[in-house]
Amino acid sequence: MYFEKRDLMLIAGIILVMIGLTPFMAPVYAMIIGILLYFGIKVYVGRKRRMIEQDVGEGVCMECGFTIVDKKCPNCDVENK
């Protein structure tokens, strides 16, 4: 996992959640929940990004929307022949 610019918004949101939890529980427990939320969201986004990269492959055809395989569109190249 690496740090991105939008992680600042995630950290700010989690800090606000931790502040909101402090009246109901000890600050230590709120901090633990915040840390778990941060890493849980990072793992979820990483897996989702990896899954999207696998589905897209080399790219997407601009005409039909199929995924490009071996620098050719399986749908458009069959129609052109």
PDB file of N, CA and C in Angstrom:
ATOM      1  N   MET A   1       0.842  -1.181   0.000  1.00  0.00           N
ATOM      2  CA  MET A   1       0.000   0.000   0.000  1.00  0.00           C
ATOM      3  C   MET A   1       0.882   1.238   0.000  1.00  0.00           C
ATOM      4  N   TYR A   2       0.524   2.196  -0.807  1.00  0.00           N
ATOM      5  CA  TYR A   2       1.289   3.422  -0.877  1.00  0.00           C
ATOM      6  C   TYR A   2       0.366   4.607  -0.609  1.00  0.00           C
ATOM      7  N   PHE A   3       0.952   5.730  -0.282  1.00  0.00           N
ATOM      8  CA  PHE A   3       0.212   6.921   0.119  1.00  0.00           C
ATOM      9  C   PHE A   3      -0.128   7.767  -1.102  1.00  0.00           C
ATOM     10  N   GLU A   4      -1.394   8.157  -1.219  1.00  0.00           N
ATOM     11  CA  GLU A   4      -1.862   9.003  -2.311  1.00  0.00           C
ATOM     12  C   GLU A   4      -2.418  10.295  -1.736  1.00  0.00           C
ATOM     13  N   LYS A   5      -2.649  11.260  -2.601  1.00  0.00           N
ATOM     14  CA  LYS A   5      -3.154  12.554  -2.144  1.00  0.00           C
ATOM     15  C   LYS A   5      -4.556  12.443  -1.538  1.00  0.00           C
ATOM     16  N   ARG A   6      -5.373  11.566  -2.097  1.00  0.00           N
ATOM     17  CA  ARG A   6      -6.737  11.462  -1.575  1.00  0.00           C
ATOM     18  C   ARG A   6      -6.788  10.770  -0.218  1.00  0.00           C
ATOM     19  N   ASP A   7      -5.660  10.196   0.208  1.00  0.00           N
ATOM     20  CA  ASP A   7      -5.601   9.611   1.541  1.00  0.00           C
ATOM     21  C   ASP A   7      -5.727  10.675   2.622  1.00  0.00           C
ATOM     22  N   LEU A   8      -5.377  11.917   2.305  1.00  0.00           N
ATOM     23  CA  LEU A   8      -5.554  13.004   3.282  1.00  0.00           C
ATOM     24  C   LEU A   8      -7.026  13.194   3.617  1.00  0.00           C
ATOM     25  N   MET A   9      -7.887  13.088   2.610  1.00  0.00           N
ATOM     26  CA  MET A   9      -9.327  13.189   2.875  1.00  0.00           C
ATOM     27  C   MET A   9      -9.809  12.001   3.693  1.00  0.00           C
ATOM     28  N   LEU A  10      -9.279  10.817   3.396  1.00  0.00           N
ATOM     29  CA  LEU A  10      -9.642   9.630   4.158  1.00  0.00           C
ATOM     30  C   LEU A  10      -9.214   9.776   5.612  1.00  0.00           C
ATOM     31  N   ILE A  11      -7.998  10.255   5.829  1.00  0.00           N
ATOM     32  CA  ILE A  11      -7.503  10.442   7.194  1.00  0.00           C
ATOM     33  C   ILE A  11      -8.332  11.493   7.919  1.00  0.00           C
ATOM     34  N   ALA A  12      -8.674  12.584   7.243  1.00  0.00           N
ATOM     35  CA  ALA A  12      -9.503  13.621   7.869  1.00  0.00           C
ATOM     36  C   ALA A  12     -10.873  13.060   8.252  1.00  0.00           C
ATOM     37  N   GLY A  13     -11.467  12.266   7.384  1.00  0.00           N
ATOM     38  CA  GLY A  13     -12.766  11.665   7.689  1.00  0.00           C
ATOM     39  C   GLY A  13     -12.692  10.695   8.859  1.00  0.00           C
ATOM     40  N   ILE A  14     -11.636   9.927   8.911  1.00  0.00           N
ATOM     41  CA  ILE A  14     -11.492   8.962  10.006  1.00  0.00           C
ATOM     42  C   ILE A  14     -11.227   9.679  11.324  1.00  0.00           C
ATOM     43  N   ILE A  15     -10.482  10.785  11.274  1.00  0.00           N
ATOM     44  CA  ILE A  15     -10.274  11.576  12.498  1.00  0.00           C
ATOM     45  C   ILE A  15     -11.607  12.123  12.998  1.00  0.00           C
ATOM     46  N   LEU A  16     -12.453  12.572  12.083  1.00  0.00           N
ATOM     47  CA  LEU A  16     -13.774  13.054  12.496  1.00  0.00           C
ATOM     48  C   LEU A  16     -14.631  11.933  13.073  1.00  0.00           C
ATOM     49  N   VAL A  17     -14.517  10.736  12.517  1.00  0.00           N
ATOM     50  CA  VAL A  17     -15.239   9.594  13.074  1.00  0.00           C
ATOM     51  C   VAL A  17     -14.721   9.283  14.481  1.00  0.00           C
ATOM     52  N   MET A  18     -13.412   9.346  14.650  1.00  0.00           N
ATOM     53  CA  MET A  18     -12.831   9.082  15.978  1.00  0.00           C
ATOM     54  C   MET A  18     -13.286  10.130  16.992  1.00  0.00           C
ATOM     55  N   ILE A  19     -13.353  11.387  16.570  1.00  0.00           N
ATOM     56  CA  ILE A  19     -13.842  12.436  17.472  1.00  0.00           C
ATOM     57  C   ILE A  19     -15.305  12.189  17.818  1.00  0.00           C
ATOM     58  N   GLY A  20     -16.075  11.725  16.837  1.00  0.00           N
ATOM     59  CA  GLY A  20     -17.482  11.425  17.095  1.00  0.00           C
ATOM     60  C   GLY A  20     -17.683  10.226  18.004  1.00  0.00           C
ATOM     61  N   LEU A  21     -16.742   9.306  18.025  1.00  0.00           N
ATOM     62  CA  LEU A  21     -16.864   8.127  18.886  1.00  0.00           C
ATOM     63  C   LEU A  21     -16.405   8.371  20.314  1.00  0.00           C
ATOM     64  N   THR A  22     -15.606   9.385  20.553  1.00  0.00           N
ATOM     65  CA  THR A  22     -15.043   9.586  21.893  1.00  0.00           C
ATOM     66  C   THR A  22     -16.078   9.813  22.994  1.00  0.00           C
ATOM     67  N   PRO A  23     -17.249  10.433  22.749  1.00  0.00           N
ATOM     68  CA  PRO A  23     -18.214  10.537  23.853  1.00  0.00           C
ATOM     69  C   PRO A  23     -18.809   9.182  24.263  1.00  0.00           C
ATOM     70  N   PHE A  24     -18.747   8.211  23.376  1.00  0.00           N
ATOM     71  CA  PHE A  24     -19.384   6.933  23.654  1.00  0.00           C
ATOM     72  C   PHE A  24     -18.420   5.863  24.139  1.00  0.00           C
ATOM     73  N   MET A  25     -17.126   6.079  23.937  1.00  0.00           N
ATOM     74  CA  MET A  25     -16.134   5.087  24.361  1.00  0.00           C
ATOM     75  C   MET A  25     -14.827   5.794  24.661  1.00  0.00           C
ATOM     76  N   ALA A  26     -13.898   5.059  25.193  1.00  0.00           N
ATOM     77  CA  ALA A  26     -12.589   5.629  25.515  1.00  0.00           C
ATOM     78  C   ALA A  26     -11.864   6.027  24.223  1.00  0.00           C
ATOM     79  N   PRO A  27     -11.071   7.087  24.285  1.00  0.00           N
ATOM     80  CA  PRO A  27     -10.355   7.533  23.079  1.00  0.00           C
ATOM     81  C   PRO A  27      -9.426   6.470  22.492  1.00  0.00           C
ATOM     82  N   VAL A  28      -8.896   5.584  23.332  1.00  0.00           N
ATOM     83  CA  VAL A  28      -8.023   4.522  22.835  1.00  0.00           C
ATOM     84  C   VAL A  28      -8.799   3.585  21.920  1.00  0.00           C
ATOM     85  N   TYR A  29     -10.007   3.227  22.327  1.00  0.00           N
ATOM     86  CA  TYR A  29     -10.824   2.341  21.499  1.00  0.00           C
ATOM     87  C   TYR A  29     -11.256   3.044  20.213  1.00  0.00           C
ATOM     88  N   ALA A  30     -11.553   4.327  20.291  1.00  0.00           N
ATOM     89  CA  ALA A  30     -11.910   5.088  19.091  1.00  0.00           C
ATOM     90  C   ALA A  30     -10.727   5.132  18.133  1.00  0.00           C
ATOM     91  N   MET A  31      -9.515   5.267  18.665  1.00  0.00           N
ATOM     92  CA  MET A  31      -8.324   5.289  17.825  1.00  0.00           C
ATOM     93  C   MET A  31      -8.103   3.934  17.152  1.00  0.00           C
ATOM     94  N   ILE A  32      -8.329   2.866  17.889  1.00  0.00           N
ATOM     95  CA  ILE A  32      -8.184   1.515  17.323  1.00  0.00           C
ATOM     96  C   ILE A  32      -9.191   1.307  16.198  1.00  0.00           C
ATOM     97  N   ILE A  33     -10.424   1.732  16.416  1.00  0.00           N
ATOM     98  CA  ILE A  33     -11.455   1.607  15.383  1.00  0.00           C
ATOM     99  C   ILE A  33     -11.079   2.441  14.160  1.00  0.00           C
ATOM    100  N   GLY A  34     -10.558   3.639  14.374  1.00  0.00           N
ATOM    101  CA  GLY A  34     -10.136   4.491  13.266  1.00  0.00           C
ATOM    102  C   GLY A  34      -9.014   3.872  12.458  1.00  0.00           C
ATOM    103  N   ILE A  35      -8.029   3.288  13.143  1.00  0.00           N
ATOM    104  CA  ILE A  35      -6.914   2.641  12.449  1.00  0.00           C
ATOM    105  C   ILE A  35      -7.410   1.440  11.655  1.00  0.00           C
ATOM    106  N   LEU A  36      -8.297   0.650  12.242  1.00  0.00           N
ATOM    107  CA  LEU A  36      -8.859  -0.496  11.530  1.00  0.00           C
ATOM    108  C   LEU A  36      -9.670  -0.051  10.313  1.00  0.00           C
ATOM    109  N   LEU A  37     -10.411   1.034  10.451  1.00  0.00           N
ATOM    110  CA  LEU A  37     -11.165   1.564   9.313  1.00  0.00           C
ATOM    111  C   LEU A  37     -10.229   1.990   8.190  1.00  0.00           C
ATOM    112  N   TYR A  38      -9.152   2.679   8.531  1.00  0.00           N
ATOM    113  CA  TYR A  38      -8.211   3.158   7.519  1.00  0.00           C
ATOM    114  C   TYR A  38      -7.627   1.993   6.732  1.00  0.00           C
ATOM    115  N   PHE A  39      -7.087   0.997   7.433  1.00  0.00           N
ATOM    116  CA  PHE A  39      -6.471  -0.113   6.729  1.00  0.00           C
ATOM    117  C   PHE A  39      -7.503  -0.990   6.021  1.00  0.00           C
ATOM    118  N   GLY A  40      -8.695  -1.105   6.578  1.00  0.00           N
ATOM    119  CA  GLY A  40      -9.755  -1.846   5.903  1.00  0.00           C
ATOM    120  C   GLY A  40     -10.148  -1.207   4.593  1.00  0.00           C
ATOM    121  N   ILE A  41     -10.277   0.113   4.579  1.00  0.00           N
ATOM    122  CA  ILE A  41     -10.627   0.822   3.356  1.00  0.00           C
ATOM    123  C   ILE A  41      -9.491   0.727   2.341  1.00  0.00           C
ATOM    124  N   LYS A  42      -8.240   0.848   2.801  1.00  0.00           N
ATOM    125  CA  LYS A  42      -7.097   0.746   1.891  1.00  0.00           C
ATOM    126  C   LYS A  42      -7.020  -0.636   1.240  1.00  0.00           C
ATOM    127  N   VAL A  43      -7.272  -1.693   2.008  1.00  0.00           N
ATOM    128  CA  VAL A  43      -7.238  -3.050   1.452  1.00  0.00           C
ATOM    129  C   VAL A  43      -8.377  -3.238   0.460  1.00  0.00           C
ATOM    130  N   TYR A  44      -9.571  -2.760   0.800  1.00  0.00           N
ATOM    131  CA  TYR A  44     -10.722  -2.883  -0.094  1.00  0.00           C
ATOM    132  C   TYR A  44     -10.475  -2.168  -1.418  1.00  0.00           C
ATOM    133  N   VAL A  45      -9.967  -0.941  -1.360  1.00  0.00           N
ATOM    134  CA  VAL A  45      -9.707  -0.172  -2.578  1.00  0.00           C
ATOM    135  C   VAL A  45      -8.607  -0.840  -3.398  1.00  0.00           C
ATOM    136  N   GLY A  46      -7.580  -1.369  -2.747  1.00  0.00           N
ATOM    137  CA  GLY A  46      -6.509  -2.041  -3.470  1.00  0.00           C
ATOM    138  C   GLY A  46      -6.993  -3.273  -4.210  1.00  0.00           C
ATOM    139  N   ARG A  47      -7.827  -4.070  -3.556  1.00  0.00           N
ATOM    140  CA  ARG A  47      -8.371  -5.269  -4.215  1.00  0.00           C
ATOM    141  C   ARG A  47      -9.292  -4.890  -5.366  1.00  0.00           C
ATOM    142  N   LYS A  48     -10.102  -3.864  -5.167  1.00  0.00           N
ATOM    143  CA  LYS A  48     -11.019  -3.415  -6.213  1.00  0.00           C
ATOM    144  C   LYS A  48     -10.243  -2.899  -7.424  1.00  0.00           C
ATOM    145  N   ARG A  49      -9.177  -2.134  -7.176  1.00  0.00           N
ATOM    146  CA  ARG A  49      -8.356  -1.609  -8.260  1.00  0.00           C
ATOM    147  C   ARG A  49      -7.685  -2.746  -9.033  1.00  0.00           C
ATOM    148  N   ARG A  50      -7.182  -3.737  -8.309  1.00  0.00           N
ATOM    149  CA  ARG A  50      -6.531  -4.880  -8.955  1.00  0.00           C
ATOM    150  C   ARG A  50      -7.539  -5.653  -9.804  1.00  0.00           C
ATOM    151  N   MET A  51      -8.760  -5.825  -9.308  1.00  0.00           N
ATOM    152  CA  MET A  51      -9.795  -6.537 -10.050  1.00  0.00           C
ATOM    153  C   MET A  51     -10.177  -5.780 -11.324  1.00  0.00           C
ATOM    154  N   ILE A  52     -10.265  -4.450 -11.247  1.00  0.00           N
ATOM    155  CA  ILE A  52     -10.591  -3.648 -12.417  1.00  0.00           C
ATOM    156  C   ILE A  52      -9.467  -3.733 -13.440  1.00  0.00           C
ATOM    157  N   GLU A  53      -8.215  -3.690 -12.998  1.00  0.00           N
ATOM    158  CA  GLU A  53      -7.088  -3.801 -13.922  1.00  0.00           C
ATOM    159  C   GLU A  53      -7.075  -5.154 -14.625  1.00  0.00           C
ATOM    160  N   GLN A  54      -7.465  -6.220 -13.935  1.00  0.00           N
ATOM    161  CA  GLN A  54      -7.521  -7.540 -14.560  1.00  0.00           C
ATOM    162  C   GLN A  54      -8.650  -7.607 -15.579  1.00  0.00           C
ATOM    163  N   ASP A  55      -9.789  -6.984 -15.277  1.00  0.00           N
ATOM    164  CA  ASP A  55     -10.927  -7.010 -16.198  1.00  0.00           C
ATOM    165  C   ASP A  55     -10.662  -6.194 -17.451  1.00  0.00           C
ATOM    166  N   VAL A  56      -9.999  -5.068 -17.311  1.00  0.00           N
ATOM    167  CA  VAL A  56      -9.764  -4.195 -18.450  1.00  0.00           C
ATOM    168  C   VAL A  56      -8.679  -4.762 -19.350  1.00  0.00           C
ATOM    169  N   GLY A  57      -7.655  -5.357 -18.786  1.00  0.00           N
ATOM    170  CA  GLY A  57      -6.578  -5.928 -19.591  1.00  0.00           C
ATOM    171  C   GLY A  57      -5.715  -4.851 -20.203  1.00  0.00           C
ATOM    172  N   GLU A  58      -5.541  -4.903 -21.523  1.00  0.00           N
ATOM    173  CA  GLU A  58      -4.703  -3.924 -22.211  1.00  0.00           C
ATOM    174  C   GLU A  58      -5.432  -2.618 -22.475  1.00  0.00           C
ATOM    175  N   GLY A  59      -6.728  -2.639 -22.420  1.00  0.00           N
ATOM    176  CA  GLY A  59      -7.513  -1.440 -22.673  1.00  0.00           C
ATOM    177  C   GLY A  59      -8.910  -1.797 -23.126  1.00  0.00           C
ATOM    178  N   VAL A  60      -9.642  -0.792 -23.541  1.00  0.00           N
ATOM    179  CA  VAL A  60     -11.022  -0.973 -23.980  1.00  0.00           C
ATOM    180  C   VAL A  60     -11.158  -0.388 -25.380  1.00  0.00           C
ATOM    181  N   CYS A  61     -11.850  -1.101 -26.246  1.00  0.00           N
ATOM    182  CA  CYS A  61     -12.085  -0.631 -27.613  1.00  0.00           C
ATOM    183  C   CYS A  61     -12.995   0.598 -27.565  1.00  0.00           C
ATOM    184  N   MET A  62     -12.628   1.620 -28.305  1.00  0.00           N
ATOM    185  CA  MET A  62     -13.393   2.866 -28.296  1.00  0.00           C
ATOM    186  C   MET A  62     -14.693   2.762 -29.086  1.00  0.00           C
ATOM    187  N   GLU A  63     -14.797   1.795 -29.972  1.00  0.00           N
ATOM    188  CA  GLU A  63     -16.000   1.683 -30.795  1.00  0.00           C
ATOM    189  C   GLU A  63     -17.065   0.781 -30.182  1.00  0.00           C
ATOM    190  N   CYS A  64     -16.648  -0.390 -29.655  1.00  0.00           N
ATOM    191  CA  CYS A  64     -17.656  -1.334 -29.160  1.00  0.00           C
ATOM    192  C   CYS A  64     -17.591  -1.557 -27.652  1.00  0.00           C
ATOM    193  N   GLY A  65     -16.465  -1.246 -27.003  1.00  0.00           N
ATOM    194  CA  GLY A  65     -16.367  -1.392 -25.558  1.00  0.00           C
ATOM    195  C   GLY A  65     -15.801  -2.712 -25.093  1.00  0.00           C
ATOM    196  N   PHE A  66     -15.442  -3.615 -25.988  1.00  0.00           N
ATOM    197  CA  PHE A  66     -14.830  -4.886 -25.604  1.00  0.00           C
ATOM    198  C   PHE A  66     -13.407  -4.645 -25.113  1.00  0.00           C
ATOM    199  N   THR A  67     -12.885  -5.593 -24.352  1.00  0.00           N
ATOM    200  CA  THR A  67     -11.510  -5.475 -23.899  1.00  0.00           C
ATOM    201  C   THR A  67     -10.563  -5.867 -25.028  1.00  0.00           C
ATOM    202  N   ILE A  68      -9.455  -5.171 -25.122  1.00  0.00           N
ATOM    203  CA  ILE A  68      -8.477  -5.411 -26.175  1.00  0.00           C
ATOM    204  C   ILE A  68      -7.547  -6.537 -25.743  1.00  0.00           C
ATOM    205  N   VAL A  69      -7.349  -7.512 -26.647  1.00  0.00           N
ATOM    206  CA  VAL A  69      -6.473  -8.650 -26.394  1.00  0.00           C
ATOM    207  C   VAL A  69      -5.447  -8.696 -27.512  1.00  0.00           C
ATOM    208  N   ASP A  70      -4.178  -8.768 -27.182  1.00  0.00           N
ATOM    209  CA  ASP A  70      -3.083  -8.790 -28.167  1.00  0.00           C
ATOM    210  C   ASP A  70      -3.155  -7.603 -29.124  1.00  0.00           C
ATOM    211  N   LYS A  71      -3.477  -6.451 -28.596  1.00  0.00           N
ATOM    212  CA  LYS A  71      -3.563  -5.191 -29.345  1.00  0.00           C
ATOM    213  C   LYS A  71      -4.609  -5.219 -30.447  1.00  0.00           C
ATOM    214  N   LYS A  72      -5.618  -6.096 -30.302  1.00  0.00           N
ATOM    215  CA  LYS A  72      -6.707  -6.180 -31.276  1.00  0.00           C
ATOM    216  C   LYS A  72      -8.029  -6.339 -30.524  1.00  0.00           C
ATOM    217  N   CYS A  73      -9.074  -5.778 -31.087  1.00  0.00           N
ATOM    218  CA  CYS A  73     -10.406  -5.944 -30.518  1.00  0.00           C
ATOM    219  C   CYS A  73     -11.022  -7.220 -31.095  1.00  0.00           C
ATOM    220  N   PRO A  74     -11.414  -8.174 -30.256  1.00  0.00           N
ATOM    221  CA  PRO A  74     -11.989  -9.417 -30.790  1.00  0.00           C
ATOM    222  C   PRO A  74     -13.300  -9.211 -31.537  1.00  0.00           C
ATOM    223  N   ASN A  75     -14.052  -8.172 -31.202  1.00  0.00           N
ATOM    224  CA  ASN A  75     -15.333  -7.923 -31.834  1.00  0.00           C
ATOM    225  C   ASN A  75     -15.179  -7.169 -33.149  1.00  0.00           C
ATOM    226  N   CYS A  76     -14.446  -6.076 -33.146  1.00  0.00           N
ATOM    227  CA  CYS A  76     -14.323  -5.226 -34.345  1.00  0.00           C
ATOM    228  C   CYS A  76     -13.437  -5.860 -35.400  1.00  0.00           C
ATOM    229  N   ASP A  77     -12.359  -6.541 -35.030  1.00  0.00           N
ATOM    230  CA  ASP A  77     -11.466  -7.135 -36.023  1.00  0.00           C
ATOM    231  C   ASP A  77     -12.129  -8.293 -36.760  1.00  0.00           C
ATOM    232  N   VAL A  78     -13.044  -9.020 -36.125  1.00  0.00           N
ATOM    233  CA  VAL A  78     -13.764 -10.103 -36.792  1.00  0.00           C
ATOM    234  C   VAL A  78     -14.737  -9.518 -37.816  1.00  0.00           C
ATOM    235  N   GLU A  79     -15.384  -8.389 -37.474  1.00  0.00           N
ATOM    236  CA  GLU A  79     -16.339  -7.767 -38.387  1.00  0.00           C
ATOM    237  C   GLU A  79     -15.643  -7.162 -39.599  1.00  0.00           C
ATOM    238  N   ASN A  80     -14.418  -6.655 -39.429  1.00  0.00           N
ATOM    239  CA  ASN A  80     -13.698  -5.991 -40.517  1.00  0.00           C
ATOM    240  C   ASN A  80     -13.149  -6.975 -41.537  1.00  0.00           C
ATOM    241  N   LYS A  81     -12.964  -8.225 -41.165  1.00  0.00           N
ATOM    242  CA  LYS A  81     -12.369  -9.213 -42.090  1.00  0.00           C
ATOM    243  C   LYS A  81     -13.345  -9.746 -43.067  1.00  0.00           C
TER     244      LYS A  81
END
